[in-house]
């Protein structure tokens, strides 16, 4: 995650450090942040997690980046071709994750959305599901009182 100029450390500098350390994908909050990083990794390896409005749907789709949709209005602003391209990118991400998953016993991910299992008060905020959804990993969160 290199959003907000990597919290003041410099997005490109932090992204290069992450990539040098073995990262293969990056996440940001906005399209402007994504544009700074295109060229360090393929655009489809950059997840834009939010900060988008429906008027940006075309630019978001054209960017080639993975886009986290945070509203129904944003989803409705996409064309059928945009949606098809997103599905194709999702499939490529799932295949990449499957190759990684074969090498590891577990993946630690963010909180799960939806109804909590009996006895749990919450499974977390659905806005936190962008990364696990992008990676096609299940997620769960332990709730402590």
C-alpha atoms as a PDB file:
ATOM      1  CA  UNK A   1       0.000   0.000   0.000  1.00  0.00           C
ATOM      2  CA  UNK A   2       1.651   3.193  -1.157  1.00  0.00           C
ATOM      3  CA  UNK A   3      -1.304   5.583  -0.921  1.00  0.00           C
ATOM      4  CA  UNK A   4      -0.995   9.171   0.268  1.00  0.00           C
ATOM      5  CA  UNK A   5       2.547   9.471  -1.089  1.00  0.00           C
ATOM      6  CA  UNK A   6       3.423   6.418   1.021  1.00  0.00           C
ATOM      7  CA  UNK A   7       2.434   8.441   4.071  1.00  0.00           C
ATOM      8  CA  UNK A   8       5.010  11.089   3.268  1.00  0.00           C
ATOM      9  CA  UNK A   9       7.869   8.760   2.338  1.00  0.00           C
ATOM     10  CA  UNK A  10       7.410   9.126  -1.425  1.00  0.00           C
ATOM     11  CA  UNK A  11       5.182   6.780  -3.389  1.00  0.00           C
ATOM     12  CA  UNK A  12       7.699   5.867  -6.076  1.00  0.00           C
ATOM     13  CA  UNK A  13      10.527   5.401  -3.556  1.00  0.00           C
ATOM     14  CA  UNK A  14       8.348   3.223  -1.307  1.00  0.00           C
ATOM     15  CA  UNK A  15       6.998   1.248  -4.276  1.00  0.00           C
ATOM     16  CA  UNK A  16      10.519   0.543  -5.515  1.00  0.00           C
ATOM     17  CA  UNK A  17      11.517  -0.626  -2.024  1.00  0.00           C
ATOM     18  CA  UNK A  18       8.472  -2.912  -1.867  1.00  0.00           C
ATOM     19  CA  UNK A  19       9.211  -4.324  -5.315  1.00  0.00           C
ATOM     20  CA  UNK A  20      12.883  -4.815  -4.439  1.00  0.00           C
ATOM     21  CA  UNK A  21      11.664  -6.710  -1.374  1.00  0.00           C
ATOM     22  CA  UNK A  22       9.614  -9.097  -3.488  1.00  0.00           C
ATOM     23  CA  UNK A  23       6.225  -7.404  -3.904  1.00  0.00           C
ATOM     24  CA  UNK A  24       4.669  -7.917  -7.324  1.00  0.00           C
ATOM     25  CA  UNK A  25       1.576  -5.733  -6.918  1.00  0.00           C
ATOM     26  CA  UNK A  26       0.857  -2.321  -5.436  1.00  0.00           C
ATOM     27  CA  UNK A  27      -2.233  -0.615  -4.000  1.00  0.00           C
ATOM     28  CA  UNK A  28      -3.177   3.070  -3.943  1.00  0.00           C
ATOM     29  CA  UNK A  29      -6.243   5.167  -3.193  1.00  0.00           C
ATOM     30  CA  UNK A  30      -6.657   7.241  -6.357  1.00  0.00           C
ATOM     31  CA  UNK A  31      -6.098   7.155 -10.100  1.00  0.00           C
ATOM     32  CA  UNK A  32      -3.585   9.997  -9.773  1.00  0.00           C
ATOM     33  CA  UNK A  33      -1.546   7.866  -7.379  1.00  0.00           C
ATOM     34  CA  UNK A  34      -1.764   4.918  -9.764  1.00  0.00           C
ATOM     35  CA  UNK A  35      -0.468   7.018 -12.661  1.00  0.00           C
ATOM     36  CA  UNK A  36       2.695   7.755 -10.660  1.00  0.00           C
ATOM     37  CA  UNK A  37       3.447   4.035 -10.394  1.00  0.00           C
ATOM     38  CA  UNK A  38       2.587   2.805 -13.890  1.00  0.00           C
ATOM     39  CA  UNK A  39       5.849   1.677 -15.406  1.00  0.00           C
ATOM     40  CA  UNK A  40       7.175   0.228 -12.151  1.00  0.00           C
ATOM     41  CA  UNK A  41       4.703  -2.650 -12.555  1.00  0.00           C
ATOM     42  CA  UNK A  42       2.105  -3.389 -15.228  1.00  0.00           C
ATOM     43  CA  UNK A  43      -1.008  -1.260 -14.721  1.00  0.00           C
ATOM     44  CA  UNK A  44      -3.115  -4.338 -13.938  1.00  0.00           C
ATOM     45  CA  UNK A  45      -0.825  -4.997 -10.954  1.00  0.00           C
ATOM     46  CA  UNK A  46      -1.932  -1.726  -9.350  1.00  0.00           C
ATOM     47  CA  UNK A  47      -5.107  -1.767  -7.264  1.00  0.00           C
ATOM     48  CA  UNK A  48      -6.960   1.546  -6.945  1.00  0.00           C
ATOM     49  CA  UNK A  49      -8.870   0.997  -3.720  1.00  0.00           C
ATOM     50  CA  UNK A  50     -11.180   3.990  -3.721  1.00  0.00           C
ATOM     51  CA  UNK A  51     -11.394   7.709  -4.163  1.00  0.00           C
ATOM     52  CA  UNK A  52     -13.344   7.346  -7.418  1.00  0.00           C
ATOM     53  CA  UNK A  53     -16.595   8.934  -8.522  1.00  0.00           C
ATOM     54  CA  UNK A  54     -18.863   7.796 -11.385  1.00  0.00           C
ATOM     55  CA  UNK A  55     -17.491  10.481 -13.710  1.00  0.00           C
ATOM     56  CA  UNK A  56     -14.116   8.708 -13.473  1.00  0.00           C
ATOM     57  CA  UNK A  57     -15.421   5.283 -14.535  1.00  0.00           C
ATOM     58  CA  UNK A  58     -14.143   5.608 -18.101  1.00  0.00           C
ATOM     59  CA  UNK A  59     -10.710   6.841 -17.030  1.00  0.00           C
ATOM     60  CA  UNK A  60     -10.525   4.119 -14.376  1.00  0.00           C
ATOM     61  CA  UNK A  61     -11.325   1.411 -16.924  1.00  0.00           C
ATOM     62  CA  UNK A  62      -8.921   2.897 -19.483  1.00  0.00           C
ATOM     63  CA  UNK A  63      -6.100   2.980 -16.926  1.00  0.00           C
ATOM     64  CA  UNK A  64      -5.814  -0.802 -16.996  1.00  0.00           C
ATOM     65  CA  UNK A  65      -5.513  -0.819 -13.213  1.00  0.00           C
ATOM     66  CA  UNK A  66      -7.564  -3.064 -10.965  1.00  0.00           C
ATOM     67  CA  UNK A  67     -10.367  -0.917  -9.577  1.00  0.00           C
ATOM     68  CA  UNK A  68     -12.150  -1.359  -6.268  1.00  0.00           C
ATOM     69  CA  UNK A  69     -15.745  -0.213  -6.690  1.00  0.00           C
ATOM     70  CA  UNK A  70     -17.098   1.436  -3.574  1.00  0.00           C
ATOM     71  CA  UNK A  71     -20.563   2.357  -4.767  1.00  0.00           C
ATOM     72  CA  UNK A  72     -23.386   1.097  -6.949  1.00  0.00           C
ATOM     73  CA  UNK A  73     -23.238   4.389  -8.876  1.00  0.00           C
ATOM     74  CA  UNK A  74     -19.615   3.725  -9.795  1.00  0.00           C
ATOM     75  CA  UNK A  75     -20.462   0.215 -10.966  1.00  0.00           C
ATOM     76  CA  UNK A  76     -23.394   1.482 -13.024  1.00  0.00           C
ATOM     77  CA  UNK A  77     -21.123   4.045 -14.701  1.00  0.00           C
ATOM     78  CA  UNK A  78     -18.990   1.252 -16.190  1.00  0.00           C
ATOM     79  CA  UNK A  79     -19.687  -0.008 -19.698  1.00  0.00           C
ATOM     80  CA  UNK A  80     -20.175  -3.675 -20.482  1.00  0.00           C
ATOM     81  CA  UNK A  81     -16.729  -3.693 -22.132  1.00  0.00           C
ATOM     82  CA  UNK A  82     -15.206  -2.166 -18.964  1.00  0.00           C
ATOM     83  CA  UNK A  83     -16.864  -4.874 -16.902  1.00  0.00           C
ATOM     84  CA  UNK A  84     -15.612  -7.624 -19.217  1.00  0.00           C
ATOM     85  CA  UNK A  85     -12.063  -6.290 -19.002  1.00  0.00           C
ATOM     86  CA  UNK A  86     -12.317  -6.184 -15.200  1.00  0.00           C
ATOM     87  CA  UNK A  87     -13.492  -9.799 -15.111  1.00  0.00           C
ATOM     88  CA  UNK A  88     -10.554 -10.819 -17.306  1.00  0.00           C
ATOM     89  CA  UNK A  89      -8.108  -8.990 -14.986  1.00  0.00           C
ATOM     90  CA  UNK A  90      -9.726 -10.661 -11.971  1.00  0.00           C
ATOM     91  CA  UNK A  91      -9.191 -14.061 -13.569  1.00  0.00           C
ATOM     92  CA  UNK A  92      -5.523 -13.323 -14.228  1.00  0.00           C
ATOM     93  CA  UNK A  93      -5.158 -12.207 -10.586  1.00  0.00           C
ATOM     94  CA  UNK A  94      -6.813 -15.401  -9.373  1.00  0.00           C
ATOM     95  CA  UNK A  95      -4.458 -17.498 -11.478  1.00  0.00           C
ATOM     96  CA  UNK A  96      -1.454 -15.602 -10.091  1.00  0.00           C
ATOM     97  CA  UNK A  97      -2.755 -16.109  -6.554  1.00  0.00           C
ATOM     98  CA  UNK A  98      -3.255 -19.836  -7.189  1.00  0.00           C
ATOM     99  CA  UNK A  99       0.395 -20.120  -8.229  1.00  0.00           C
ATOM    100  CA  UNK A 100       1.435 -18.400  -4.974  1.00  0.00           C
ATOM    101  CA  UNK A 101      -1.018 -20.366  -2.837  1.00  0.00           C
ATOM    102  CA  UNK A 102       0.589 -23.609  -3.936  1.00  0.00           C
ATOM    103  CA  UNK A 103       3.759 -22.465  -2.135  1.00  0.00           C
ATOM    104  CA  UNK A 104       2.202 -21.375   1.199  1.00  0.00           C
ATOM    105  CA  UNK A 105       0.059 -22.940   3.908  1.00  0.00           C
ATOM    106  CA  UNK A 106      -1.995 -19.847   4.814  1.00  0.00           C
ATOM    107  CA  UNK A 107      -2.845 -16.336   3.728  1.00  0.00           C
ATOM    108  CA  UNK A 108      -3.547 -13.664   6.322  1.00  0.00           C
ATOM    109  CA  UNK A 109      -6.147 -11.262   4.958  1.00  0.00           C
ATOM    110  CA  UNK A 110      -8.461  -8.495   6.038  1.00  0.00           C
ATOM    111  CA  UNK A 111     -11.855  -8.583   7.750  1.00  0.00           C
ATOM    112  CA  UNK A 112     -14.798 -10.354   6.114  1.00  0.00           C
ATOM    113  CA  UNK A 113     -18.023  -8.475   5.321  1.00  0.00           C
ATOM    114  CA  UNK A 114     -21.553  -9.705   5.758  1.00  0.00           C
ATOM    115  CA  UNK A 115     -23.489 -11.213   8.584  1.00  0.00           C
ATOM    116  CA  UNK A 116     -21.402 -12.344  11.517  1.00  0.00           C
ATOM    117  CA  UNK A 117     -21.480 -15.998  12.552  1.00  0.00           C
ATOM    118  CA  UNK A 118     -23.554 -16.730  15.640  1.00  0.00           C
ATOM    119  CA  UNK A 119     -21.727 -15.393  18.681  1.00  0.00           C
ATOM    120  CA  UNK A 120     -19.765 -12.714  16.832  1.00  0.00           C
ATOM    121  CA  UNK A 121     -20.921  -9.122  16.779  1.00  0.00           C
ATOM    122  CA  UNK A 122     -19.143  -8.118  13.578  1.00  0.00           C
ATOM    123  CA  UNK A 123     -16.999  -9.443  10.766  1.00  0.00           C
ATOM    124  CA  UNK A 124     -15.556  -6.033   9.927  1.00  0.00           C
ATOM    125  CA  UNK A 125     -16.181  -3.268   7.472  1.00  0.00           C
ATOM    126  CA  UNK A 126     -16.860  -4.315   3.844  1.00  0.00           C
ATOM    127  CA  UNK A 127     -14.680  -1.450   2.599  1.00  0.00           C
ATOM    128  CA  UNK A 128     -11.722  -3.531   3.812  1.00  0.00           C
ATOM    129  CA  UNK A 129     -12.568  -6.291   1.329  1.00  0.00           C
ATOM    130  CA  UNK A 130     -10.895  -4.732  -1.722  1.00  0.00           C
ATOM    131  CA  UNK A 131      -7.544  -6.445  -1.221  1.00  0.00           C
ATOM    132  CA  UNK A 132      -8.830  -9.963  -0.413  1.00  0.00           C
ATOM    133  CA  UNK A 133     -11.331  -9.716  -3.261  1.00  0.00           C
ATOM    134  CA  UNK A 134      -8.590  -8.628  -5.628  1.00  0.00           C
ATOM    135  CA  UNK A 135      -6.432 -11.551  -4.521  1.00  0.00           C
ATOM    136  CA  UNK A 136      -9.421 -13.918  -4.524  1.00  0.00           C
ATOM    137  CA  UNK A 137      -8.671 -14.999  -0.957  1.00  0.00           C
ATOM    138  CA  UNK A 138     -11.227 -15.779   1.723  1.00  0.00           C
ATOM    139  CA  UNK A 139     -10.967 -13.645   4.808  1.00  0.00           C
ATOM    140  CA  UNK A 140     -12.010 -13.742   8.427  1.00  0.00           C
ATOM    141  CA  UNK A 141     -11.460 -11.572  11.450  1.00  0.00           C
ATOM    142  CA  UNK A 142     -11.253 -12.507  15.085  1.00  0.00           C
ATOM    143  CA  UNK A 143     -13.347 -10.155  17.213  1.00  0.00           C
ATOM    144  CA  UNK A 144     -12.146  -9.345  20.709  1.00  0.00           C
ATOM    145  CA  UNK A 145     -14.214  -7.550  23.301  1.00  0.00           C
END
